[in-house]
N, C-alpha and C. Protein backbone atom coordinates (compact mmCIF):
# COMPACT_ATOMS: atom_id res chain seq x y z
N MET A 1 -123.86 167.83 -37.83
CA MET A 1 -124.18 167.90 -36.41
C MET A 1 -123.92 166.54 -35.78
N GLU A 2 -123.37 166.54 -34.59
CA GLU A 2 -123.04 165.31 -33.91
C GLU A 2 -124.27 164.70 -33.25
N TYR A 3 -124.10 163.46 -32.90
CA TYR A 3 -125.12 162.72 -32.17
C TYR A 3 -124.87 162.98 -30.69
N GLN A 4 -125.70 163.80 -30.07
CA GLN A 4 -125.43 164.26 -28.71
C GLN A 4 -125.87 163.24 -27.67
N ARG A 5 -125.38 163.43 -26.48
CA ARG A 5 -125.68 162.50 -25.39
C ARG A 5 -127.17 162.49 -25.08
N SER A 6 -127.83 163.63 -25.14
CA SER A 6 -129.26 163.67 -24.87
C SER A 6 -130.04 162.83 -25.88
N ASP A 7 -129.57 162.78 -27.12
CA ASP A 7 -130.21 161.93 -28.13
C ASP A 7 -130.02 160.45 -27.81
N ARG A 8 -128.82 160.10 -27.36
CA ARG A 8 -128.55 158.70 -27.01
C ARG A 8 -129.39 158.27 -25.81
N VAL A 9 -129.48 159.15 -24.81
CA VAL A 9 -130.30 158.83 -23.63
C VAL A 9 -131.77 158.73 -24.02
N GLY A 10 -132.22 159.57 -24.93
CA GLY A 10 -133.59 159.50 -25.41
C GLY A 10 -133.89 158.18 -26.09
N ASP A 11 -132.95 157.70 -26.90
CA ASP A 11 -133.11 156.41 -27.55
C ASP A 11 -133.17 155.27 -26.53
N LEU A 12 -132.32 155.34 -25.52
CA LEU A 12 -132.34 154.32 -24.47
C LEU A 12 -133.65 154.34 -23.69
N LEU A 13 -134.12 155.54 -23.36
CA LEU A 13 -135.39 155.67 -22.66
C LEU A 13 -136.53 155.09 -23.48
N LEU A 14 -136.53 155.36 -24.74
CA LEU A 14 -137.57 154.86 -25.63
C LEU A 14 -137.59 153.34 -25.64
N GLU A 15 -136.43 152.72 -25.73
CA GLU A 15 -136.34 151.26 -25.72
C GLU A 15 -136.81 150.68 -24.40
N LEU A 16 -136.31 151.23 -23.30
CA LEU A 16 -136.66 150.69 -21.98
C LEU A 16 -138.14 150.84 -21.66
N ILE A 17 -138.69 151.99 -21.95
CA ILE A 17 -140.09 152.23 -21.61
C ILE A 17 -141.01 151.41 -22.51
N ALA A 18 -140.64 151.24 -23.77
CA ALA A 18 -141.45 150.40 -24.66
C ALA A 18 -141.45 148.96 -24.17
N GLU A 19 -140.31 148.49 -23.69
CA GLU A 19 -140.24 147.14 -23.14
C GLU A 19 -141.07 147.02 -21.87
N LEU A 20 -141.03 148.04 -21.01
CA LEU A 20 -141.84 148.04 -19.80
C LEU A 20 -143.33 148.01 -20.13
N LEU A 21 -143.73 148.79 -21.12
CA LEU A 21 -145.15 148.81 -21.49
C LEU A 21 -145.60 147.46 -22.00
N ASN A 22 -144.74 146.75 -22.71
CA ASN A 22 -145.12 145.45 -23.26
C ASN A 22 -145.11 144.35 -22.22
N ARG A 23 -144.16 144.39 -21.30
CA ARG A 23 -143.96 143.24 -20.41
C ARG A 23 -144.49 143.41 -18.99
N GLU A 24 -144.37 144.60 -18.41
CA GLU A 24 -144.61 144.72 -16.98
C GLU A 24 -145.83 145.53 -16.59
N ILE A 25 -146.25 146.44 -17.42
CA ILE A 25 -147.40 147.27 -17.06
C ILE A 25 -148.67 146.57 -17.52
N ARG A 26 -149.55 146.28 -16.58
CA ARG A 26 -150.75 145.50 -16.87
C ARG A 26 -152.00 146.35 -17.02
N ASP A 27 -151.84 147.66 -17.05
CA ASP A 27 -152.98 148.57 -17.17
C ASP A 27 -153.61 148.43 -18.56
N PRO A 28 -154.90 148.09 -18.67
CA PRO A 28 -155.51 147.92 -19.99
C PRO A 28 -155.63 149.22 -20.77
N ARG A 29 -155.51 150.36 -20.11
CA ARG A 29 -155.61 151.64 -20.81
C ARG A 29 -154.42 151.88 -21.72
N VAL A 30 -153.28 151.28 -21.42
CA VAL A 30 -152.08 151.50 -22.22
C VAL A 30 -151.74 150.29 -23.10
N HIS A 31 -152.71 149.45 -23.32
CA HIS A 31 -152.47 148.21 -24.08
C HIS A 31 -152.09 148.49 -25.53
N PHE A 32 -152.71 149.46 -26.18
CA PHE A 32 -152.47 149.72 -27.59
C PHE A 32 -151.57 150.93 -27.83
N VAL A 33 -150.79 151.34 -26.85
CA VAL A 33 -149.91 152.49 -26.98
C VAL A 33 -148.62 152.06 -27.68
N THR A 34 -148.20 152.87 -28.64
CA THR A 34 -146.93 152.67 -29.34
C THR A 34 -146.10 153.93 -29.18
N LEU A 35 -144.91 153.80 -28.60
CA LEU A 35 -144.03 154.95 -28.43
C LEU A 35 -143.36 155.26 -29.75
N THR A 36 -143.34 156.54 -30.11
CA THR A 36 -142.79 156.93 -31.41
C THR A 36 -141.53 157.78 -31.31
N GLY A 37 -141.32 158.46 -30.22
CA GLY A 37 -140.14 159.32 -30.12
C GLY A 37 -139.91 159.80 -28.71
N ALA A 38 -138.71 160.31 -28.48
CA ALA A 38 -138.35 160.87 -27.18
C ALA A 38 -137.47 162.08 -27.40
N ARG A 39 -137.72 163.10 -26.61
CA ARG A 39 -136.89 164.30 -26.62
C ARG A 39 -136.42 164.54 -25.19
N VAL A 40 -135.11 164.63 -25.01
CA VAL A 40 -134.52 164.80 -23.69
C VAL A 40 -133.80 166.14 -23.67
N SER A 41 -133.95 166.88 -22.57
CA SER A 41 -133.28 168.18 -22.46
C SER A 41 -131.77 167.97 -22.37
N LYS A 42 -131.02 169.02 -22.63
CA LYS A 42 -129.56 168.94 -22.66
C LYS A 42 -128.97 168.55 -21.31
N ASP A 43 -129.64 168.96 -20.21
CA ASP A 43 -129.13 168.61 -18.89
C ASP A 43 -129.65 167.25 -18.41
N LEU A 44 -130.40 166.53 -19.23
CA LEU A 44 -130.89 165.17 -18.98
C LEU A 44 -131.85 165.08 -17.79
N ARG A 45 -132.51 166.17 -17.45
CA ARG A 45 -133.44 166.15 -16.32
C ARG A 45 -134.90 166.04 -16.73
N HIS A 46 -135.21 166.36 -17.98
CA HIS A 46 -136.60 166.31 -18.44
C HIS A 46 -136.67 165.55 -19.76
N ALA A 47 -137.68 164.72 -19.88
CA ALA A 47 -137.88 163.96 -21.12
C ALA A 47 -139.34 164.07 -21.53
N THR A 48 -139.56 164.15 -22.83
CA THR A 48 -140.90 164.14 -23.40
C THR A 48 -140.99 162.94 -24.33
N LEU A 49 -141.96 162.08 -24.07
CA LEU A 49 -142.16 160.91 -24.91
C LEU A 49 -143.40 161.12 -25.76
N TYR A 50 -143.30 160.69 -27.01
CA TYR A 50 -144.42 160.81 -27.93
C TYR A 50 -144.96 159.42 -28.22
N PHE A 51 -146.29 159.32 -28.33
CA PHE A 51 -146.89 158.02 -28.58
C PHE A 51 -148.07 158.15 -29.54
N THR A 52 -148.41 157.02 -30.13
CA THR A 52 -149.62 156.91 -30.95
C THR A 52 -150.48 155.83 -30.34
N LEU A 53 -151.74 155.84 -30.75
CA LEU A 53 -152.69 154.91 -30.16
C LEU A 53 -153.76 154.56 -31.18
N LEU A 54 -154.12 153.32 -31.22
CA LEU A 54 -155.25 152.90 -32.02
C LEU A 54 -156.52 153.22 -31.24
N GLY A 55 -157.43 153.93 -31.85
CA GLY A 55 -158.68 154.23 -31.17
C GLY A 55 -159.10 155.67 -31.34
N ASP A 56 -160.09 156.05 -30.54
CA ASP A 56 -160.69 157.37 -30.65
C ASP A 56 -160.09 158.34 -29.62
N ALA A 57 -160.66 159.53 -29.55
CA ALA A 57 -160.15 160.57 -28.65
C ALA A 57 -160.31 160.17 -27.19
N GLN A 58 -161.39 159.50 -26.85
CA GLN A 58 -161.59 159.07 -25.47
C GLN A 58 -160.51 158.05 -25.08
N GLY A 59 -160.15 157.18 -26.00
CA GLY A 59 -159.08 156.21 -25.73
C GLY A 59 -157.75 156.89 -25.51
N ARG A 60 -157.53 158.00 -26.22
CA ARG A 60 -156.27 158.73 -26.04
C ARG A 60 -156.18 159.35 -24.66
N THR A 61 -157.29 159.93 -24.20
CA THR A 61 -157.25 160.54 -22.87
C THR A 61 -157.11 159.48 -21.79
N GLU A 62 -157.74 158.32 -21.98
CA GLU A 62 -157.59 157.23 -21.01
C GLU A 62 -156.16 156.68 -21.02
N ALA A 63 -155.58 156.56 -22.21
CA ALA A 63 -154.20 156.08 -22.30
C ALA A 63 -153.23 157.06 -21.65
N LEU A 64 -153.48 158.35 -21.85
CA LEU A 64 -152.63 159.36 -21.22
C LEU A 64 -152.76 159.29 -19.70
N ALA A 65 -153.96 159.09 -19.20
CA ALA A 65 -154.16 158.94 -17.76
C ALA A 65 -153.47 157.69 -17.24
N GLY A 66 -153.52 156.61 -18.00
CA GLY A 66 -152.83 155.38 -17.61
C GLY A 66 -151.32 155.55 -17.57
N LEU A 67 -150.79 156.27 -18.54
CA LEU A 67 -149.35 156.53 -18.57
C LEU A 67 -148.92 157.43 -17.42
N LYS A 68 -149.74 158.43 -17.12
CA LYS A 68 -149.41 159.32 -16.00
C LYS A 68 -149.45 158.58 -14.68
N SER A 69 -150.39 157.63 -14.54
CA SER A 69 -150.46 156.88 -13.28
C SER A 69 -149.28 155.92 -13.14
N ALA A 70 -148.69 155.51 -14.24
CA ALA A 70 -147.56 154.58 -14.20
C ALA A 70 -146.21 155.30 -14.18
N THR A 71 -146.20 156.61 -14.11
CA THR A 71 -144.96 157.37 -14.19
C THR A 71 -143.97 157.00 -13.10
N GLY A 72 -144.42 156.87 -11.88
CA GLY A 72 -143.52 156.52 -10.77
C GLY A 72 -142.90 155.15 -10.95
N PHE A 73 -143.70 154.19 -11.37
CA PHE A 73 -143.20 152.84 -11.62
C PHE A 73 -142.17 152.85 -12.74
N ILE A 74 -142.48 153.57 -13.82
CA ILE A 74 -141.57 153.63 -14.96
C ILE A 74 -140.25 154.28 -14.56
N ARG A 75 -140.32 155.38 -13.81
CA ARG A 75 -139.08 156.06 -13.40
C ARG A 75 -138.23 155.18 -12.49
N SER A 76 -138.87 154.41 -11.60
CA SER A 76 -138.09 153.55 -10.71
C SER A 76 -137.41 152.43 -11.49
N ARG A 77 -138.11 151.87 -12.47
CA ARG A 77 -137.50 150.80 -13.28
C ARG A 77 -136.38 151.35 -14.17
N VAL A 78 -136.58 152.53 -14.72
CA VAL A 78 -135.55 153.13 -15.57
C VAL A 78 -134.31 153.46 -14.74
N SER A 79 -134.51 153.93 -13.53
CA SER A 79 -133.35 154.27 -12.68
C SER A 79 -132.53 153.03 -12.35
N LYS A 80 -133.17 151.87 -12.25
CA LYS A 80 -132.42 150.64 -11.99
C LYS A 80 -131.65 150.17 -13.22
N GLN A 81 -132.14 150.49 -14.40
CA GLN A 81 -131.50 150.04 -15.63
C GLN A 81 -130.39 150.96 -16.12
N LEU A 82 -130.62 152.26 -16.01
CA LEU A 82 -129.64 153.23 -16.53
C LEU A 82 -128.74 153.74 -15.42
N ASN A 83 -127.53 154.02 -15.76
CA ASN A 83 -126.57 154.53 -14.79
C ASN A 83 -126.45 156.04 -15.00
N LEU A 84 -127.47 156.78 -14.55
CA LEU A 84 -127.48 158.22 -14.69
C LEU A 84 -127.54 158.87 -13.31
N ARG A 85 -127.01 160.06 -13.22
CA ARG A 85 -127.10 160.80 -11.95
C ARG A 85 -128.54 161.19 -11.66
N PHE A 86 -129.26 161.64 -12.68
CA PHE A 86 -130.65 162.03 -12.52
C PHE A 86 -131.50 161.25 -13.53
N VAL A 87 -132.62 160.73 -13.07
CA VAL A 87 -133.56 160.08 -13.98
C VAL A 87 -134.48 161.16 -14.52
N PRO A 88 -134.61 161.26 -15.83
CA PRO A 88 -135.46 162.32 -16.40
C PRO A 88 -136.91 162.20 -15.94
N SER A 89 -137.52 163.34 -15.67
CA SER A 89 -138.92 163.34 -15.27
C SER A 89 -139.80 163.48 -16.49
């Protein structure tokens, strides 16, 4: 099986978003988040990111809320870095 474009875009998204989480996002809820994988649809319009977190279940829900609140910021930064027609949601 070949290495498809959606896989390559997923790898790029994973790198960019991990860098954003480390350097630019100052939300303490996402401080211990580690991105583990990305799945991008074939049409490159939807992406699912997987993460792990040190801590308990309450920390996971807070981290998920922090990531959801940073979604707009992350998408805007990714759109400036990648040359894609559509930025995956």
